[in-house]
Amino acid sequence: MNAHLEMDPTEVLRVKLEVLRQEHRDLDEAIHLMEASGRSDQLTLRRLKKQKLRLKDQIARIEDILTPDIIA
């Protein structure tokens, strides 16, 4: 039987948000470990930090989409 499963666009965004949050946490941990080792490559560290900031921006954009504006 061909069961066609389709996710609601909001649910797709929620899943993507969780994936991005996990990537952000993983990068944070990698950066912390590199800094703690004392032998970190500064260029690699800088690239990881920029990538972490891009993820944070993507997370913020999706959160804005998922959170309705409330007019006070």
PDB file of N, CA and C in Angstrom:
ATOM      1  N   MET A   1       0.843  -1.175   0.000  1.00  0.00           N
ATOM      2  CA  MET A   1       0.000   0.000   0.000  1.00  0.00           C
ATOM      3  C   MET A   1       0.890   1.240   0.000  1.00  0.00           C
ATOM      4  N   ASN A   2       0.552   2.198  -0.821  1.00  0.00           N
ATOM      5  CA  ASN A   2       1.315   3.434  -0.899  1.00  0.00           C
ATOM      6  C   ASN A   2       0.702   4.479   0.016  1.00  0.00           C
ATOM      7  N   ALA A   3       1.236   4.566   1.192  1.00  0.00           N
ATOM      8  CA  ALA A   3       0.769   5.585   2.130  1.00  0.00           C
ATOM      9  C   ALA A   3       1.617   6.832   1.906  1.00  0.00           C
ATOM     10  N   HIS A   4       0.975   7.900   1.521  1.00  0.00           N
ATOM     11  CA  HIS A   4       1.683   9.151   1.259  1.00  0.00           C
ATOM     12  C   HIS A   4       1.617  10.023   2.512  1.00  0.00           C
ATOM     13  N   LEU A   5       2.778  10.189   3.128  1.00  0.00           N
ATOM     14  CA  LEU A   5       2.857  11.009   4.336  1.00  0.00           C
ATOM     15  C   LEU A   5       3.384  12.389   3.969  1.00  0.00           C
ATOM     16  N   GLU A   6       2.676  13.381   4.391  1.00  0.00           N
ATOM     17  CA  GLU A   6       3.087  14.745   4.106  1.00  0.00           C
ATOM     18  C   GLU A   6       3.060  15.546   5.400  1.00  0.00           C
ATOM     19  N   MET A   7       4.150  16.291   5.624  1.00  0.00           N
ATOM     20  CA  MET A   7       4.240  17.089   6.836  1.00  0.00           C
ATOM     21  C   MET A   7       3.703  18.493   6.567  1.00  0.00           C
ATOM     22  N   ASP A   8       3.087  19.031   7.576  1.00  0.00           N
ATOM     23  CA  ASP A   8       2.614  20.411   7.565  1.00  0.00           C
ATOM     24  C   ASP A   8       3.845  21.328   7.476  1.00  0.00           C
ATOM     25  N   PRO A   9       3.783  22.426   6.718  1.00  0.00           N
ATOM     26  CA  PRO A   9       4.935  23.335   6.606  1.00  0.00           C
ATOM     27  C   PRO A   9       5.461  23.824   7.961  1.00  0.00           C
ATOM     28  N   THR A  10       4.565  24.018   8.901  1.00  0.00           N
ATOM     29  CA  THR A  10       4.994  24.433  10.240  1.00  0.00           C
ATOM     30  C   THR A  10       5.792  23.328  10.904  1.00  0.00           C
ATOM     31  N   GLU A  11       5.361  22.091  10.733  1.00  0.00           N
ATOM     32  CA  GLU A  11       6.074  20.957  11.322  1.00  0.00           C
ATOM     33  C   GLU A  11       7.453  20.791  10.681  1.00  0.00           C
ATOM     34  N   VAL A  12       7.539  21.041   9.378  1.00  0.00           N
ATOM     35  CA  VAL A  12       8.829  20.980   8.685  1.00  0.00           C
ATOM     36  C   VAL A  12       9.780  22.009   9.295  1.00  0.00           C
ATOM     37  N   LEU A  13       9.274  23.213   9.545  1.00  0.00           N
ATOM     38  CA  LEU A  13      10.108  24.254  10.152  1.00  0.00           C
ATOM     39  C   LEU A  13      10.543  23.866  11.560  1.00  0.00           C
ATOM     40  N   ARG A  14       9.650  23.238  12.313  1.00  0.00           N
ATOM     41  CA  ARG A  14      10.006  22.810  13.675  1.00  0.00           C
ATOM     42  C   ARG A  14      11.108  21.755  13.655  1.00  0.00           C
ATOM     43  N   VAL A  15      11.034  20.832  12.715  1.00  0.00           N
ATOM     44  CA  VAL A  15      12.067  19.800  12.586  1.00  0.00           C
ATOM     45  C   VAL A  15      13.392  20.441  12.180  1.00  0.00           C
ATOM     46  N   LYS A  16      13.335  21.339  11.198  1.00  0.00           N
ATOM     47  CA  LYS A  16      14.552  22.035  10.756  1.00  0.00           C
ATOM     48  C   LYS A  16      15.164  22.832  11.904  1.00  0.00           C
ATOM     49  N   LEU A  17      14.312  23.469  12.692  1.00  0.00           N
ATOM     50  CA  LEU A  17      14.779  24.244  13.839  1.00  0.00           C
ATOM     51  C   LEU A  17      15.529  23.352  14.823  1.00  0.00           C
ATOM     52  N   GLU A  18      14.997  22.193  15.097  1.00  0.00           N
ATOM     53  CA  GLU A  18      15.658  21.288  16.042  1.00  0.00           C
ATOM     54  C   GLU A  18      16.996  20.793  15.494  1.00  0.00           C
ATOM     55  N   VAL A  19      17.045  20.529  14.187  1.00  0.00           N
ATOM     56  CA  VAL A  19      18.308  20.105  13.560  1.00  0.00           C
ATOM     57  C   VAL A  19      19.344  21.217  13.674  1.00  0.00           C
ATOM     58  N   LEU A  20      18.935  22.450  13.388  1.00  0.00           N
ATOM     59  CA  LEU A  20      19.861  23.582  13.482  1.00  0.00           C
ATOM     60  C   LEU A  20      20.336  23.803  14.920  1.00  0.00           C
ATOM     61  N   ARG A  21      19.427  23.648  15.874  1.00  0.00           N
ATOM     62  CA  ARG A  21      19.827  23.793  17.284  1.00  0.00           C
ATOM     63  C   ARG A  21      20.845  22.737  17.680  1.00  0.00           C
ATOM     64  N   GLN A  22      20.663  21.510  17.190  1.00  0.00           N
ATOM     65  CA  GLN A  22      21.614  20.446  17.506  1.00  0.00           C
ATOM     66  C   GLN A  22      22.975  20.740  16.880  1.00  0.00           C
ATOM     67  N   GLU A  23      22.970  21.202  15.626  1.00  0.00           N
ATOM     68  CA  GLU A  23      24.227  21.582  14.971  1.00  0.00           C
ATOM     69  C   GLU A  23      24.924  22.698  15.752  1.00  0.00           C
ATOM     70  N   HIS A  24      24.144  23.670  16.234  1.00  0.00           N
ATOM     71  CA  HIS A  24      24.693  24.790  17.003  1.00  0.00           C
ATOM     72  C   HIS A  24      25.347  24.272  18.290  1.00  0.00           C
ATOM     73  N   ARG A  25      24.656  23.344  18.982  1.00  0.00           N
ATOM     74  CA  ARG A  25      25.223  22.771  20.212  1.00  0.00           C
ATOM     75  C   ARG A  25      26.502  21.993  19.918  1.00  0.00           C
ATOM     76  N   ASP A  26      26.494  21.227  18.820  1.00  0.00           N
ATOM     77  CA  ASP A  26      27.678  20.449  18.437  1.00  0.00           C
ATOM     78  C   ASP A  26      28.862  21.358  18.145  1.00  0.00           C
ATOM     79  N   LEU A  27      28.602  22.449  17.417  1.00  0.00           N
ATOM     80  CA  LEU A  27      29.680  23.399  17.131  1.00  0.00           C
ATOM     81  C   LEU A  27      30.189  24.050  18.398  1.00  0.00           C
ATOM     82  N   ASP A  28      29.284  24.401  19.295  1.00  0.00           N
ATOM     83  CA  ASP A  28      29.674  25.006  20.561  1.00  0.00           C
ATOM     84  C   ASP A  28      30.597  24.073  21.335  1.00  0.00           C
ATOM     85  N   GLU A  29      30.246  22.801  21.363  1.00  0.00           N
ATOM     86  CA  GLU A  29      31.077  21.826  22.067  1.00  0.00           C
ATOM     87  C   GLU A  29      32.434  21.667  21.382  1.00  0.00           C
ATOM     88  N   ALA A  30      32.452  21.623  20.056  1.00  0.00           N
ATOM     89  CA  ALA A  30      33.713  21.482  19.323  1.00  0.00           C
ATOM     90  C   ALA A  30      34.622  22.686  19.574  1.00  0.00           C
ATOM     91  N   ILE A  31      34.038  23.874  19.554  1.00  0.00           N
ATOM     92  CA  ILE A  31      34.816  25.094  19.815  1.00  0.00           C
ATOM     93  C   ILE A  31      35.385  25.059  21.224  1.00  0.00           C
ATOM     94  N   HIS A  32      34.552  24.691  22.175  1.00  0.00           N
ATOM     95  CA  HIS A  32      35.004  24.620  23.570  1.00  0.00           C
ATOM     96  C   HIS A  32      36.162  23.631  23.715  1.00  0.00           C
ATOM     97  N   LEU A  33      36.045  22.461  23.099  1.00  0.00           N
ATOM     98  CA  LEU A  33      37.108  21.458  23.187  1.00  0.00           C
ATOM     99  C   LEU A  33      38.392  21.944  22.532  1.00  0.00           C
ATOM    100  N   MET A  34      38.257  22.639  21.389  1.00  0.00           N
ATOM    101  CA  MET A  34      39.455  23.163  20.724  1.00  0.00           C
ATOM    102  C   MET A  34      40.146  24.207  21.591  1.00  0.00           C
ATOM    103  N   GLU A  35      39.359  25.092  22.187  1.00  0.00           N
ATOM    104  CA  GLU A  35      39.945  26.131  23.036  1.00  0.00           C
ATOM    105  C   GLU A  35      40.580  25.531  24.281  1.00  0.00           C
ATOM    106  N   ALA A  36      39.954  24.512  24.845  1.00  0.00           N
ATOM    107  CA  ALA A  36      40.467  23.885  26.064  1.00  0.00           C
ATOM    108  C   ALA A  36      41.749  23.096  25.801  1.00  0.00           C
ATOM    109  N   SER A  37      41.918  22.598  24.584  1.00  0.00           N
ATOM    110  CA  SER A  37      43.096  21.788  24.280  1.00  0.00           C
ATOM    111  C   SER A  37      44.360  22.630  24.237  1.00  0.00           C
ATOM    112  N   GLY A  38      44.212  23.915  23.932  1.00  0.00           N
ATOM    113  CA  GLY A  38      45.380  24.790  23.878  1.00  0.00           C
ATOM    114  C   GLY A  38      46.179  24.631  22.600  1.00  0.00           C
ATOM    115  N   ARG A  39      45.802  23.695  21.756  1.00  0.00           N
ATOM    116  CA  ARG A  39      46.526  23.466  20.507  1.00  0.00           C
ATOM    117  C   ARG A  39      45.653  23.775  19.299  1.00  0.00           C
ATOM    118  N   SER A  40      44.679  24.640  19.471  1.00  0.00           N
ATOM    119  CA  SER A  40      43.707  24.886  18.410  1.00  0.00           C
ATOM    120  C   SER A  40      44.293  25.750  17.296  1.00  0.00           C
ATOM    121  N   ASP A  41      43.890  25.454  16.096  1.00  0.00           N
ATOM    122  CA  ASP A  41      44.230  26.234  14.913  1.00  0.00           C
ATOM    123  C   ASP A  41      43.302  27.446  14.895  1.00  0.00           C
ATOM    124  N   GLN A  42      43.858  28.636  14.961  1.00  0.00           N
ATOM    125  CA  GLN A  42      43.057  29.854  15.072  1.00  0.00           C
ATOM    126  C   GLN A  42      42.154  30.082  13.865  1.00  0.00           C
ATOM    127  N   LEU A  43      42.629  29.730  12.674  1.00  0.00           N
ATOM    128  CA  LEU A  43      41.812  29.901  11.475  1.00  0.00           C
ATOM    129  C   LEU A  43      40.593  28.975  11.521  1.00  0.00           C
ATOM    130  N   THR A  44      40.814  27.731  11.894  1.00  0.00           N
ATOM    131  CA  THR A  44      39.711  26.774  12.009  1.00  0.00           C
ATOM    132  C   THR A  44      38.737  27.222  13.086  1.00  0.00           C
ATOM    133  N   LEU A  45      39.261  27.678  14.190  1.00  0.00           N
ATOM    134  CA  LEU A  45      38.425  28.149  15.296  1.00  0.00           C
ATOM    135  C   LEU A  45      37.566  29.337  14.852  1.00  0.00           C
ATOM    136  N   ARG A  46      38.158  30.259  14.131  1.00  0.00           N
ATOM    137  CA  ARG A  46      37.421  31.427  13.641  1.00  0.00           C
ATOM    138  C   ARG A  46      36.313  31.002  12.667  1.00  0.00           C
ATOM    139  N   ARG A  47      36.612  30.029  11.797  1.00  0.00           N
ATOM    140  CA  ARG A  47      35.599  29.537  10.849  1.00  0.00           C
ATOM    141  C   ARG A  47      34.450  28.854  11.567  1.00  0.00           C
ATOM    142  N   LEU A  48      34.772  28.072  12.586  1.00  0.00           N
ATOM    143  CA  LEU A  48      33.720  27.401  13.352  1.00  0.00           C
ATOM    144  C   LEU A  48      32.826  28.415  14.060  1.00  0.00           C
ATOM    145  N   LYS A  49      33.431  29.464  14.586  1.00  0.00           N
ATOM    146  CA  LYS A  49      32.648  30.492  15.272  1.00  0.00           C
ATOM    147  C   LYS A  49      31.736  31.234  14.301  1.00  0.00           C
ATOM    148  N   LYS A  50      32.221  31.506  13.083  1.00  0.00           N
ATOM    149  CA  LYS A  50      31.386  32.162  12.078  1.00  0.00           C
ATOM    150  C   LYS A  50      30.232  31.250  11.666  1.00  0.00           C
ATOM    151  N   GLN A  51      30.536  29.963  11.523  1.00  0.00           N
ATOM    152  CA  GLN A  51      29.491  29.008  11.168  1.00  0.00           C
ATOM    153  C   GLN A  51      28.436  28.936  12.276  1.00  0.00           C
ATOM    154  N   LYS A  52      28.891  28.991  13.517  1.00  0.00           N
ATOM    155  CA  LYS A  52      27.964  28.971  14.659  1.00  0.00           C
ATOM    156  C   LYS A  52      27.068  30.207  14.643  1.00  0.00           C
ATOM    157  N   LEU A  53      27.626  31.364  14.297  1.00  0.00           N
ATOM    158  CA  LEU A  53      26.823  32.590  14.211  1.00  0.00           C
ATOM    159  C   LEU A  53      25.789  32.512  13.087  1.00  0.00           C
ATOM    160  N   ARG A  54      26.189  31.917  11.941  1.00  0.00           N
ATOM    161  CA  ARG A  54      25.228  31.750  10.841  1.00  0.00           C
ATOM    162  C   ARG A  54      24.075  30.851  11.275  1.00  0.00           C
ATOM    163  N   LEU A  55      24.390  29.782  11.999  1.00  0.00           N
ATOM    164  CA  LEU A  55      23.345  28.895  12.501  1.00  0.00           C
ATOM    165  C   LEU A  55      22.415  29.648  13.446  1.00  0.00           C
ATOM    166  N   LYS A  56      23.003  30.482  14.312  1.00  0.00           N
ATOM    167  CA  LYS A  56      22.196  31.255  15.258  1.00  0.00           C
ATOM    168  C   LYS A  56      21.230  32.176  14.515  1.00  0.00           C
ATOM    169  N   ASP A  57      21.707  32.788  13.428  1.00  0.00           N
ATOM    170  CA  ASP A  57      20.842  33.654  12.619  1.00  0.00           C
ATOM    171  C   ASP A  57      19.715  32.858  11.968  1.00  0.00           C
ATOM    172  N   GLN A  58      20.031  31.679  11.446  1.00  0.00           N
ATOM    173  CA  GLN A  58      19.004  30.833  10.837  1.00  0.00           C
ATOM    174  C   GLN A  58      17.973  30.406  11.875  1.00  0.00           C
ATOM    175  N   ILE A  59      18.436  30.065  13.060  1.00  0.00           N
ATOM    176  CA  ILE A  59      17.541  29.669  14.150  1.00  0.00           C
ATOM    177  C   ILE A  59      16.604  30.828  14.490  1.00  0.00           C
ATOM    178  N   ALA A  60      17.152  32.027  14.600  1.00  0.00           N
ATOM    179  CA  ALA A  60      16.343  33.203  14.940  1.00  0.00           C
ATOM    180  C   ALA A  60      15.287  33.472  13.870  1.00  0.00           C
ATOM    181  N   ARG A  61      15.660  33.324  12.574  1.00  0.00           N
ATOM    182  CA  ARG A  61      14.694  33.549  11.497  1.00  0.00           C
ATOM    183  C   ARG A  61      13.537  32.553  11.569  1.00  0.00           C
ATOM    184  N   ILE A  62      13.852  31.294  11.798  1.00  0.00           N
ATOM    185  CA  ILE A  62      12.797  30.279  11.872  1.00  0.00           C
ATOM    186  C   ILE A  62      11.925  30.503  13.102  1.00  0.00           C
ATOM    187  N   GLU A  63      12.545  30.865  14.225  1.00  0.00           N
ATOM    188  CA  GLU A  63      11.757  31.151  15.435  1.00  0.00           C
ATOM    189  C   GLU A  63      10.811  32.322  15.184  1.00  0.00           C
ATOM    190  N   ASP A  64      11.258  33.330  14.447  1.00  0.00           N
ATOM    191  CA  ASP A  64      10.389  34.471  14.124  1.00  0.00           C
ATOM    192  C   ASP A  64       9.196  34.032  13.277  1.00  0.00           C
ATOM    193  N   ILE A  65       9.442  33.127  12.348  1.00  0.00           N
ATOM    194  CA  ILE A  65       8.357  32.621  11.502  1.00  0.00           C
ATOM    195  C   ILE A  65       7.360  31.828  12.322  1.00  0.00           C
ATOM    196  N   LEU A  66       7.856  31.024  13.254  1.00  0.00           N
ATOM    197  CA  LEU A  66       6.990  30.145  14.045  1.00  0.00           C
ATOM    198  C   LEU A  66       6.268  30.879  15.164  1.00  0.00           C
ATOM    199  N   THR A  67       6.810  32.017  15.598  1.00  0.00           N
ATOM    200  CA  THR A  67       6.199  32.768  16.691  1.00  0.00           C
ATOM    201  C   THR A  67       5.359  33.892  16.118  1.00  0.00           C
ATOM    202  N   PRO A  68       4.058  33.838  16.313  1.00  0.00           N
ATOM    203  CA  PRO A  68       3.199  34.886  15.749  1.00  0.00           C
ATOM    204  C   PRO A  68       3.449  36.227  16.443  1.00  0.00           C
ATOM    205  N   ASP A  69       3.302  37.296  15.669  1.00  0.00           N
ATOM    206  CA  ASP A  69       3.418  38.639  16.242  1.00  0.00           C
ATOM    207  C   ASP A  69       2.216  38.907  17.124  1.00  0.00           C
ATOM    208  N   ILE A  70       2.485  39.447  18.290  1.00  0.00           N
ATOM    209  CA  ILE A  70       1.400  39.779  19.218  1.00  0.00           C
ATOM    210  C   ILE A  70       1.315  41.292  19.313  1.00  0.00           C
ATOM    211  N   ILE A  71       0.173  41.814  18.935  1.00  0.00           N
ATOM    212  CA  ILE A  71      -0.033  43.265  18.999  1.00  0.00           C
ATOM    213  C   ILE A  71      -0.542  43.608  20.389  1.00  0.00           C
ATOM    214  N   ALA A  72       0.208  44.428  21.099  1.00  0.00           N
ATOM    215  CA  ALA A  72      -0.157  44.765  22.478  1.00  0.00           C
ATOM    216  C   ALA A  72      -1.203  45.843  22.530  1.00  0.00           C
TER     217      ALA A  72
END
